[in-house]
Amino acid sequence: MFRVRVSSFFAGAAAASVAGVYLLYKDYKVAHDSIFRQVRDTSQSFDERYEALDKRITALEKQKEVQNVNIVETAKEEF
């Protein structure tokens, strides 16, 4: 009778272990996918921000070049 109880206990412990490992694995996958999506979305928004920033910087540089050319032309006309 004792052997039956011990074997039943170990069979139950093994089944519970398998179920626990499965639940932990499932939880791990959900967390991993969530973090992956957050990182992907963040990196995409950074790319969009940098593209917009690059456009603004380029526009300011062009504006500065035009101002410098105007200053040089004005200086030439004065002399």
N, C-alpha and C. Protein backbone atom coordinates (compact mmCIF):
# COMPACT_ATOMS: atom_id res chain seq x y z
N MET A 1 0.81 -1.19 0.00
CA MET A 1 0.00 0.00 0.00
C MET A 1 0.87 1.27 0.00
N PHE A 2 1.98 1.19 0.74
CA PHE A 2 2.86 2.35 0.81
C PHE A 2 3.45 2.67 -0.56
N ARG A 3 3.83 1.65 -1.33
CA ARG A 3 4.40 1.86 -2.66
C ARG A 3 3.40 2.53 -3.59
N VAL A 4 2.16 2.19 -3.50
CA VAL A 4 1.13 2.80 -4.33
C VAL A 4 1.00 4.28 -4.00
N ARG A 5 1.01 4.61 -2.72
CA ARG A 5 0.91 6.00 -2.31
C ARG A 5 2.14 6.80 -2.76
N VAL A 6 3.32 6.24 -2.61
CA VAL A 6 4.54 6.94 -3.02
C VAL A 6 4.57 7.13 -4.54
N SER A 7 4.21 6.09 -5.27
CA SER A 7 4.22 6.22 -6.73
C SER A 7 3.14 7.22 -7.19
N SER A 8 2.01 7.25 -6.53
CA SER A 8 0.97 8.23 -6.87
C SER A 8 1.45 9.64 -6.56
N PHE A 9 2.14 9.80 -5.44
CA PHE A 9 2.68 11.11 -5.09
C PHE A 9 3.67 11.58 -6.15
N PHE A 10 4.59 10.72 -6.56
CA PHE A 10 5.57 11.12 -7.56
C PHE A 10 4.94 11.35 -8.92
N ALA A 11 3.93 10.59 -9.25
CA ALA A 11 3.23 10.82 -10.52
C ALA A 11 2.53 12.19 -10.49
N GLY A 12 1.91 12.52 -9.38
CA GLY A 12 1.26 13.82 -9.24
C GLY A 12 2.27 14.97 -9.26
N ALA A 13 3.40 14.76 -8.58
CA ALA A 13 4.44 15.79 -8.57
C ALA A 13 5.00 16.00 -9.97
N ALA A 14 5.18 14.92 -10.72
CA ALA A 14 5.68 15.04 -12.09
C ALA A 14 4.67 15.77 -12.97
N ALA A 15 3.40 15.46 -12.83
CA ALA A 15 2.37 16.14 -13.62
C ALA A 15 2.30 17.62 -13.25
N ALA A 16 2.39 17.92 -11.97
CA ALA A 16 2.37 19.32 -11.54
C ALA A 16 3.61 20.06 -12.04
N SER A 17 4.74 19.39 -12.06
CA SER A 17 5.97 20.01 -12.56
C SER A 17 5.85 20.32 -14.04
N VAL A 18 5.32 19.39 -14.80
CA VAL A 18 5.14 19.62 -16.24
C VAL A 18 4.18 20.78 -16.47
N ALA A 19 3.08 20.82 -15.73
CA ALA A 19 2.12 21.92 -15.88
C ALA A 19 2.76 23.24 -15.47
N GLY A 20 3.54 23.25 -14.41
CA GLY A 20 4.21 24.47 -13.96
C GLY A 20 5.21 24.97 -14.98
N VAL A 21 5.99 24.06 -15.54
CA VAL A 21 6.98 24.46 -16.55
C VAL A 21 6.27 25.01 -17.77
N TYR A 22 5.17 24.40 -18.17
CA TYR A 22 4.41 24.89 -19.32
C TYR A 22 3.87 26.31 -19.05
N LEU A 23 3.31 26.52 -17.87
CA LEU A 23 2.78 27.84 -17.54
C LEU A 23 3.89 28.90 -17.46
N LEU A 24 5.03 28.54 -16.90
CA LEU A 24 6.16 29.48 -16.86
C LEU A 24 6.66 29.81 -18.26
N TYR A 25 6.74 28.80 -19.12
CA TYR A 25 7.18 29.01 -20.49
C TYR A 25 6.21 29.93 -21.22
N LYS A 26 4.91 29.68 -21.04
CA LYS A 26 3.90 30.51 -21.67
C LYS A 26 4.00 31.96 -21.18
N ASP A 27 4.18 32.14 -19.89
CA ASP A 27 4.33 33.48 -19.31
C ASP A 27 5.59 34.16 -19.86
N TYR A 28 6.66 33.41 -19.98
CA TYR A 28 7.91 33.93 -20.53
C TYR A 28 7.71 34.41 -21.97
N LYS A 29 7.03 33.61 -22.77
CA LYS A 29 6.81 33.98 -24.17
C LYS A 29 5.96 35.24 -24.29
N VAL A 30 4.92 35.36 -23.46
CA VAL A 30 4.06 36.55 -23.50
C VAL A 30 4.87 37.79 -23.12
N ALA A 31 5.68 37.68 -22.07
CA ALA A 31 6.50 38.81 -21.64
C ALA A 31 7.53 39.18 -22.70
N HIS A 32 8.15 38.17 -23.30
CA HIS A 32 9.15 38.41 -24.34
C HIS A 32 8.52 39.13 -25.54
N ASP A 33 7.37 38.66 -25.98
CA ASP A 33 6.70 39.29 -27.12
C ASP A 33 6.30 40.73 -26.80
N SER A 34 5.83 40.95 -25.58
CA SER A 34 5.44 42.30 -25.18
C SER A 34 6.63 43.25 -25.20
N ILE A 35 7.74 42.83 -24.64
CA ILE A 35 8.94 43.67 -24.61
C ILE A 35 9.46 43.88 -26.02
N PHE A 36 9.43 42.84 -26.85
CA PHE A 36 9.88 42.96 -28.23
C PHE A 36 9.06 44.00 -28.98
N ARG A 37 7.73 43.97 -28.81
CA ARG A 37 6.87 44.94 -29.47
C ARG A 37 7.16 46.36 -28.99
N GLN A 38 7.39 46.52 -27.69
CA GLN A 38 7.68 47.85 -27.16
C GLN A 38 8.99 48.39 -27.73
N VAL A 39 10.00 47.54 -27.79
CA VAL A 39 11.30 47.97 -28.33
C VAL A 39 11.17 48.30 -29.80
N ARG A 40 10.45 47.48 -30.54
CA ARG A 40 10.27 47.72 -31.97
C ARG A 40 9.54 49.04 -32.20
N ASP A 41 8.46 49.28 -31.45
CA ASP A 41 7.72 50.53 -31.60
C ASP A 41 8.56 51.73 -31.22
N THR A 42 9.35 51.59 -30.17
CA THR A 42 10.22 52.68 -29.74
C THR A 42 11.27 52.98 -30.79
N SER A 43 11.88 51.95 -31.35
CA SER A 43 12.92 52.18 -32.35
C SER A 43 12.33 52.80 -33.61
N GLN A 44 11.09 52.42 -33.97
CA GLN A 44 10.47 53.04 -35.13
C GLN A 44 10.16 54.50 -34.87
N SER A 45 9.68 54.81 -33.67
CA SER A 45 9.38 56.21 -33.39
C SER A 45 10.67 57.03 -33.32
N PHE A 46 11.78 56.43 -32.85
CA PHE A 46 13.05 57.14 -32.86
C PHE A 46 13.49 57.43 -34.28
N ASP A 47 13.33 56.45 -35.18
CA ASP A 47 13.70 56.67 -36.57
C ASP A 47 12.88 57.81 -37.17
N GLU A 48 11.58 57.83 -36.87
CA GLU A 48 10.74 58.90 -37.39
C GLU A 48 11.16 60.25 -36.82
N ARG A 49 11.48 60.27 -35.54
CA ARG A 49 11.91 61.53 -34.91
C ARG A 49 13.22 62.01 -35.52
N TYR A 50 14.16 61.09 -35.73
CA TYR A 50 15.45 61.49 -36.29
C TYR A 50 15.30 61.96 -37.73
N GLU A 51 14.40 61.34 -38.48
CA GLU A 51 14.18 61.80 -39.85
C GLU A 51 13.63 63.22 -39.84
N ALA A 52 12.68 63.48 -38.96
CA ALA A 52 12.11 64.83 -38.87
C ALA A 52 13.18 65.83 -38.41
N LEU A 53 13.99 65.42 -37.46
CA LEU A 53 15.05 66.28 -36.96
C LEU A 53 16.08 66.57 -38.06
N ASP A 54 16.43 65.54 -38.83
CA ASP A 54 17.38 65.75 -39.93
C ASP A 54 16.83 66.73 -40.96
N LYS A 55 15.53 66.63 -41.24
CA LYS A 55 14.92 67.57 -42.19
C LYS A 55 14.99 69.00 -41.66
N ARG A 56 14.70 69.16 -40.38
CA ARG A 56 14.74 70.49 -39.79
C ARG A 56 16.15 71.06 -39.80
N ILE A 57 17.13 70.23 -39.46
CA ILE A 57 18.53 70.68 -39.45
C ILE A 57 18.96 71.07 -40.87
N THR A 58 18.60 70.26 -41.85
CA THR A 58 18.95 70.56 -43.23
C THR A 58 18.33 71.88 -43.67
N ALA A 59 17.07 72.10 -43.30
CA ALA A 59 16.41 73.36 -43.66
C ALA A 59 17.10 74.55 -43.00
N LEU A 60 17.48 74.41 -41.74
CA LEU A 60 18.18 75.50 -41.05
C LEU A 60 19.55 75.76 -41.65
N GLU A 61 20.26 74.70 -42.04
CA GLU A 61 21.57 74.88 -42.67
C GLU A 61 21.44 75.60 -44.01
N LYS A 62 20.42 75.24 -44.78
CA LYS A 62 20.20 75.93 -46.06
C LYS A 62 19.88 77.40 -45.83
N GLN A 63 19.03 77.66 -44.82
CA GLN A 63 18.67 79.03 -44.50
C GLN A 63 19.91 79.83 -44.08
N LYS A 64 20.79 79.20 -43.31
CA LYS A 64 22.00 79.88 -42.87
C LYS A 64 22.92 80.16 -44.06
N GLU A 65 23.03 79.21 -45.00
CA GLU A 65 23.86 79.42 -46.18
C GLU A 65 23.33 80.59 -47.01
N VAL A 66 22.01 80.66 -47.15
CA VAL A 66 21.41 81.77 -47.91
C VAL A 66 21.71 83.09 -47.22
N GLN A 67 21.62 83.14 -45.92
CA GLN A 67 21.92 84.36 -45.18
C GLN A 67 23.38 84.75 -45.35
N ASN A 68 24.28 83.76 -45.29
CA ASN A 68 25.70 84.05 -45.47
C ASN A 68 25.98 84.59 -46.87
N VAL A 69 25.34 84.02 -47.88
CA VAL A 69 25.53 84.50 -49.25
C VAL A 69 25.02 85.94 -49.36
N ASN A 70 23.89 86.22 -48.76
CA ASN A 70 23.34 87.58 -48.80
C ASN A 70 24.28 88.56 -48.11
N ILE A 71 24.86 88.17 -47.00
CA ILE A 71 25.79 89.04 -46.28
C ILE A 71 27.02 89.32 -47.14
N VAL A 72 27.54 88.28 -47.78
CA VAL A 72 28.73 88.46 -48.63
C VAL A 72 28.39 89.36 -49.80
N GLU A 73 27.25 89.18 -50.44
CA GLU A 73 26.87 90.01 -51.57
C GLU A 73 26.68 91.47 -51.14
N THR A 74 26.08 91.65 -49.97
CA THR A 74 25.89 93.02 -49.44
C THR A 74 27.24 93.67 -49.18
N ALA A 75 28.16 92.90 -48.64
CA ALA A 75 29.50 93.44 -48.34
C ALA A 75 30.22 93.80 -49.63
N LYS A 76 30.06 93.02 -50.68
CA LYS A 76 30.71 93.31 -51.97
C LYS A 76 30.13 94.59 -52.56
N GLU A 77 28.82 94.76 -52.44
CA GLU A 77 28.18 95.94 -53.01
C GLU A 77 28.62 97.21 -52.29
N GLU A 78 28.88 97.13 -50.99
CA GLU A 78 29.28 98.30 -50.21
C GLU A 78 30.68 98.76 -50.59
N PHE A 79 31.53 97.84 -50.98
CA PHE A 79 32.90 98.23 -51.33
C PHE A 79 32.94 98.54 -52.76
